[in-house]
C-alpha atoms as a PDB file:
ATOM      1  CA  MET A   1      14.149  25.979   7.266  1.00  0.00           C
ATOM      2  CA  LEU A   2      12.522  25.358   3.944  1.00  0.00           C
ATOM      3  CA  ASN A   3      10.620  28.042   2.080  1.00  0.00           C
ATOM      4  CA  PHE A   4       7.040  26.920   1.519  1.00  0.00           C
ATOM      5  CA  THR A   5       5.931  30.283   0.145  1.00  0.00           C
ATOM      6  CA  THR A   6       7.632  29.918  -3.226  1.00  0.00           C
ATOM      7  CA  GLY A   7       4.938  27.625  -4.568  1.00  0.00           C
ATOM      8  CA  ASN A   8       7.571  25.287  -5.975  1.00  0.00           C
ATOM      9  CA  LEU A   9       6.817  22.058  -4.154  1.00  0.00           C
ATOM     10  CA  TYR A  10       9.331  20.053  -6.194  1.00  0.00           C
ATOM     11  CA  ARG A  11      12.196  22.337  -5.209  1.00  0.00           C
ATOM     12  CA  THR A  12      11.099  22.380  -1.552  1.00  0.00           C
ATOM     13  CA  CYS A  13      11.058  18.576  -1.448  1.00  0.00           C
ATOM     14  CA  THR A  14      14.427  18.392  -3.183  1.00  0.00           C
ATOM     15  CA  GLU A  15      15.873  20.754  -0.569  1.00  0.00           C
ATOM     16  CA  PHE A  16      14.296  18.657   2.198  1.00  0.00           C
ATOM     17  CA  LEU A  17      16.048  15.505   0.965  1.00  0.00           C
ATOM     18  CA  GLU A  18      19.363  17.372   0.796  1.00  0.00           C
ATOM     19  CA  GLN A  19      19.163  18.089   4.552  1.00  0.00           C
ATOM     20  CA  SER A  20      20.714  16.025   7.342  1.00  0.00           C
ATOM     21  CA  SER A  21      18.478  13.658   9.308  1.00  0.00           C
ATOM     22  CA  GLU A  22      18.468  16.094  12.227  1.00  0.00           C
ATOM     23  CA  LYS A  23      17.344  19.031  10.085  1.00  0.00           C
ATOM     24  CA  ARG A  24      14.713  16.889   8.386  1.00  0.00           C
ATOM     25  CA  LEU A  25      13.295  15.973  11.803  1.00  0.00           C
ATOM     26  CA  LEU A  26      13.006  19.648  12.766  1.00  0.00           C
ATOM     27  CA  ILE A  27      11.184  20.382   9.511  1.00  0.00           C
ATOM     28  CA  LEU A  28       8.791  17.472  10.032  1.00  0.00           C
ATOM     29  CA  LYS A  29       8.071  18.678  13.577  1.00  0.00           C
ATOM     30  CA  ASP A  30       7.320  22.189  12.284  1.00  0.00           C
ATOM     31  CA  LEU A  31       4.951  20.707   9.694  1.00  0.00           C
ATOM     32  CA  GLY A  32       3.217  18.511  12.265  1.00  0.00           C
ATOM     33  CA  ILE A  33       4.118  15.248  10.538  1.00  0.00           C
ATOM     34  CA  ALA A  34       7.002  14.061  12.719  1.00  0.00           C
ATOM     35  CA  ARG A  35       5.156  10.737  13.131  1.00  0.00           C
ATOM     36  CA  TYR A  36       6.633   9.855   9.726  1.00  0.00           C
ATOM     37  CA  ALA A  37      10.211  10.708  10.748  1.00  0.00           C
ATOM     38  CA  ASP A  38      11.159   7.012  11.004  1.00  0.00           C
ATOM     39  CA  PHE A  39      11.467   6.841   7.236  1.00  0.00           C
ATOM     40  CA  LEU A  40      11.379  10.435   5.939  1.00  0.00           C
ATOM     41  CA  THR A  41      14.591  11.269   7.816  1.00  0.00           C
ATOM     42  CA  GLN A  42      16.396   8.262   6.303  1.00  0.00           C
ATOM     43  CA  MET A  43      15.257   8.368   2.668  1.00  0.00           C
ATOM     44  CA  PRO A  44      18.070   8.783   0.163  1.00  0.00           C
ATOM     45  CA  PHE A  45      17.881  11.641  -2.308  1.00  0.00           C
ATOM     46  CA  THR A  46      16.413  10.032  -5.425  1.00  0.00           C
ATOM     47  CA  GLU A  47      13.885  11.264  -7.968  1.00  0.00           C
ATOM     48  CA  ALA A  48      11.370   8.663  -6.747  1.00  0.00           C
ATOM     49  CA  ASN A  49      11.743   9.939  -3.190  1.00  0.00           C
ATOM     50  CA  VAL A  50      11.294  13.587  -4.225  1.00  0.00           C
ATOM     51  CA  VAL A  51       7.939  12.581  -5.718  1.00  0.00           C
ATOM     52  CA  CYS A  52       7.104  10.619  -2.568  1.00  0.00           C
ATOM     53  CA  VAL A  53       7.928  13.544  -0.257  1.00  0.00           C
ATOM     54  CA  MET A  54       5.803  15.807  -2.469  1.00  0.00           C
ATOM     55  CA  ARG A  55       2.777  13.678  -1.574  1.00  0.00           C
ATOM     56  CA  PHE A  56       3.480  14.239   2.132  1.00  0.00           C
ATOM     57  CA  PHE A  57       4.172  17.981   1.819  1.00  0.00           C
ATOM     58  CA  LYS A  58       1.363  18.822  -0.617  1.00  0.00           C
ATOM     59  CA  ASP A  59      -1.199  19.109   2.183  1.00  0.00           C
ATOM     60  CA  THR A  60       0.260  18.098   5.534  1.00  0.00           C
ATOM     61  CA  SER A  61      -3.102  18.469   7.285  1.00  0.00           C
ATOM     62  CA  ARG A  62      -4.512  15.622   5.165  1.00  0.00           C
ATOM     63  CA  VAL A  63      -1.688  13.097   5.615  1.00  0.00           C
ATOM     64  CA  LYS A  64      -3.222  10.072   7.334  1.00  0.00           C
ATOM     65  CA  PHE A  65      -1.600   6.962   5.938  1.00  0.00           C
ATOM     66  CA  PRO A  66       1.842   6.737   4.346  1.00  0.00           C
ATOM     67  CA  ASN A  67       1.733   6.932   0.552  1.00  0.00           C
ATOM     68  CA  LEU A  68       5.093   5.450  -0.409  1.00  0.00           C
ATOM     69  CA  ARG A  69       4.330   4.363  -3.966  1.00  0.00           C
ATOM     70  CA  GLY A  70       7.596   3.847  -5.791  1.00  0.00           C
ATOM     71  CA  ALA A  71       9.714   5.102  -2.872  1.00  0.00           C
ATOM     72  CA  ASP A  72      13.306   3.914  -2.476  1.00  0.00           C
ATOM     73  CA  LEU A  73      13.650   2.622   1.076  1.00  0.00           C
ATOM     74  CA  SER A  74      16.253   0.015   0.207  1.00  0.00           C
ATOM     75  CA  GLY A  75      18.742  -0.897   2.907  1.00  0.00           C
ATOM     76  CA  LEU A  76      17.097   1.247   5.582  1.00  0.00           C
ATOM     77  CA  ASN A  77      16.583   0.279   9.219  1.00  0.00           C
ATOM     78  CA  LEU A  78      12.840   0.710   9.666  1.00  0.00           C
ATOM     79  CA  ASP A  79      12.463  -1.340  12.831  1.00  0.00           C
ATOM     80  CA  GLY A  80       9.143  -0.620  14.536  1.00  0.00           C
ATOM     81  CA  VAL A  81       7.934   1.671  11.747  1.00  0.00           C
ATOM     82  CA  ASN A  82       4.192   2.337  11.403  1.00  0.00           C
ATOM     83  CA  PHE A  83       3.124   1.634   7.830  1.00  0.00           C
ATOM     84  CA  ILE A  84      -0.483   0.823   8.790  1.00  0.00           C
ATOM     85  CA  ARG A  85      -2.598   1.171   5.624  1.00  0.00           C
ATOM     86  CA  GLY A  86       0.572   2.205   3.829  1.00  0.00           C
ATOM     87  CA  ASP A  87       0.604   2.211   0.043  1.00  0.00           C
ATOM     88  CA  LEU A  88       3.975   0.711  -0.896  1.00  0.00           C
ATOM     89  CA  LEU A  89       3.023  -0.204  -4.455  1.00  0.00           C
ATOM     90  CA  GLY A  90       6.258  -0.613  -6.410  1.00  0.00           C
ATOM     91  CA  ALA A  91       8.400   0.533  -3.467  1.00  0.00           C
ATOM     92  CA  ASN A  92      11.999  -0.645  -3.127  1.00  0.00           C
ATOM     93  CA  LEU A  93      12.500  -2.200   0.310  1.00  0.00           C
ATOM     94  CA  ARG A  94      15.307  -4.485  -0.768  1.00  0.00           C
ATOM     95  CA  VAL A  95      17.596  -5.486   2.140  1.00  0.00           C
ATOM     96  CA  SER A  96      15.599  -3.271   4.548  1.00  0.00           C
ATOM     97  CA  ARG A  97      14.926  -4.143   8.186  1.00  0.00           C
ATOM     98  CA  LEU A  98      11.333  -3.866   9.337  1.00  0.00           C
ATOM     99  CA  LEU A  99      11.591  -5.790  12.592  1.00  0.00           C
ATOM    100  CA  GLU A 100       8.396  -5.554  14.650  1.00  0.00           C
ATOM    101  CA  ALA A 101       6.934  -3.045  12.179  1.00  0.00           C
ATOM    102  CA  ASP A 102       3.187  -2.338  12.071  1.00  0.00           C
ATOM    103  CA  LEU A 103       2.221  -3.254   8.526  1.00  0.00           C
ATOM    104  CA  LEU A 104      -1.511  -3.881   8.994  1.00  0.00           C
ATOM    105  CA  PHE A 105      -3.461  -3.409   5.740  1.00  0.00           C
ATOM    106  CA  ALA A 106      -0.286  -2.353   3.861  1.00  0.00           C
ATOM    107  CA  ASN A 107      -0.235  -2.793   0.090  1.00  0.00           C
ATOM    108  CA  PHE A 108       3.047  -4.276  -1.182  1.00  0.00           C
ATOM    109  CA  THR A 109       1.839  -4.866  -4.748  1.00  0.00           C
ATOM    110  CA  GLY A 110       4.874  -4.968  -7.036  1.00  0.00           C
ATOM    111  CA  ALA A 111       7.230  -3.967  -4.205  1.00  0.00           C
ATOM    112  CA  ASP A 112      10.792  -5.316  -4.003  1.00  0.00           C
ATOM    113  CA  LEU A 113      11.368  -6.927  -0.602  1.00  0.00           C
ATOM    114  CA  ARG A 114      14.186  -9.246  -1.639  1.00  0.00           C
ATOM    115  CA  ASN A 115      16.391 -10.061   1.349  1.00  0.00           C
ATOM    116  CA  ALA A 116      14.358  -7.799   3.641  1.00  0.00           C
ATOM    117  CA  ASP A 117      13.833  -8.761   7.283  1.00  0.00           C
ATOM    118  CA  LEU A 118      10.250  -8.605   8.563  1.00  0.00           C
ATOM    119  CA  ARG A 119      10.617 -10.753  11.679  1.00  0.00           C
ATOM    120  CA  GLY A 120       8.065  -9.797  14.305  1.00  0.00           C
ATOM    121  CA  ALA A 121       6.168  -7.500  11.928  1.00  0.00           C
ATOM    122  CA  THR A 122       2.371  -7.460  12.109  1.00  0.00           C
ATOM    123  CA  LEU A 123       1.124  -8.495   8.664  1.00  0.00           C
ATOM    124  CA  ASN A 124      -2.667  -8.806   8.972  1.00  0.00           C
ATOM    125  CA  GLU A 125      -4.627  -7.950   5.809  1.00  0.00           C
ATOM    126  CA  THR A 126      -1.495  -7.157   3.776  1.00  0.00           C
ATOM    127  CA  ILE A 127      -1.438  -7.401  -0.025  1.00  0.00           C
ATOM    128  CA  TRP A 128       1.528  -9.134  -1.713  1.00  0.00           C
ATOM    129  CA  ARG A 129       0.445  -9.248  -5.387  1.00  0.00           C
ATOM    130  CA  GLU A 130       3.530  -9.490  -7.632  1.00  0.00           C
ATOM    131  CA  ALA A 131       5.841  -8.495  -4.756  1.00  0.00           C
ATOM    132  CA  LEU A 132       9.427  -9.738  -5.043  1.00  0.00           C
ATOM    133  CA  VAL A 133      10.102 -11.629  -1.813  1.00  0.00           C
ATOM    134  CA  GLU A 134      13.038 -13.939  -2.589  1.00  0.00           C
ATOM    135  CA  GLY A 135      15.163 -14.184   0.560  1.00  0.00           C
ATOM    136  CA  CYS A 136      12.738 -12.063   2.585  1.00  0.00           C
ATOM    137  CA  ASN A 137      12.494 -13.366   6.161  1.00  0.00           C
ATOM    138  CA  PHE A 138       8.965 -13.141   7.575  1.00  0.00           C
ATOM    139  CA  GLY A 139       9.859 -14.781  10.903  1.00  0.00           C
ATOM    140  CA  THR A 140       6.675 -16.469  12.096  1.00  0.00           C
ATOM    141  CA  GLY A 141       4.587 -14.413   9.679  1.00  0.00           C
ATOM    142  CA  ILE A 142       2.322 -12.791  12.278  1.00  0.00           C
ATOM    143  CA  GLY A 143      -1.108 -12.198  10.756  1.00  0.00           C
ATOM    144  CA  LEU A 144      -0.525 -13.869   7.394  1.00  0.00           C
ATOM    145  CA  THR A 145      -3.116 -16.337   6.173  1.00  0.00           C
ATOM    146  CA  ASN A 146      -2.075 -19.894   5.337  1.00  0.00           C
ATOM    147  CA  GLU A 147      -2.685 -19.086   1.668  1.00  0.00           C
ATOM    148  CA  GLN A 148      -0.422 -16.016   1.820  1.00  0.00           C
ATOM    149  CA  ARG A 149       2.258 -18.008   3.616  1.00  0.00           C
ATOM    150  CA  ARG A 150       2.194 -20.749   0.933  1.00  0.00           C
ATOM    151  CA  ASP A 151       2.294 -18.212  -1.892  1.00  0.00           C
ATOM    152  CA  LEU A 152       5.182 -16.264  -0.350  1.00  0.00           C
ATOM    153  CA  LYS A 153       7.172 -19.474   0.244  1.00  0.00           C
ATOM    154  CA  ILE A 154       6.695 -20.481  -3.397  1.00  0.00           C
ATOM    155  CA  ARG A 155       8.157 -17.102  -4.387  1.00  0.00           C
ATOM    156  CA  GLY A 156      11.242 -17.621  -2.207  1.00  0.00           C
ATOM    157  CA  ALA A 157      10.333 -16.086   1.148  1.00  0.00           C
ATOM    158  CA  SER A 158      11.486 -17.737   4.366  1.00  0.00           C
ATOM    159  CA  PHE A 159       9.734 -18.158   7.689  1.00  0.00           C
ATOM    160  CA  LYS A 160      12.319 -18.593  10.423  1.00  0.00           C
ATOM    161  CA  ASP A 161      12.823 -16.770  13.684  1.00  0.00           C
END
């Protein structure tokens, strides 16, 4: 298990990302934040993800909504993930699968979702300002407004089941 008594959060988070998915899950269970295992067990070891994990580990009792600003989640299978009220500002979700994900109120400002698959995802009240969506498949676009749908199509998104 990780040593949280050293006071070096950066090192602890680095060690967490060096662990296998199975060991990461055990750590998350011990910390009481296993509800975020869908993505924290899959994240690659990158500097951006160390910073992201630091936000989760800093005060685990106060983690309510996923703060994934700048996180690298590219190419991951995140089917069914709960990113409700998630802050994905500048996150890399390129070529990721988020089939039937709960994305209510998520902020994708400046995020890279090129060639991602969001079919069946719930997208009510989402923010797409400056998001890269070329080749992103929104399926039927559940919860998107007509204005959002038009804007996303102009930027290269597709809407096909």
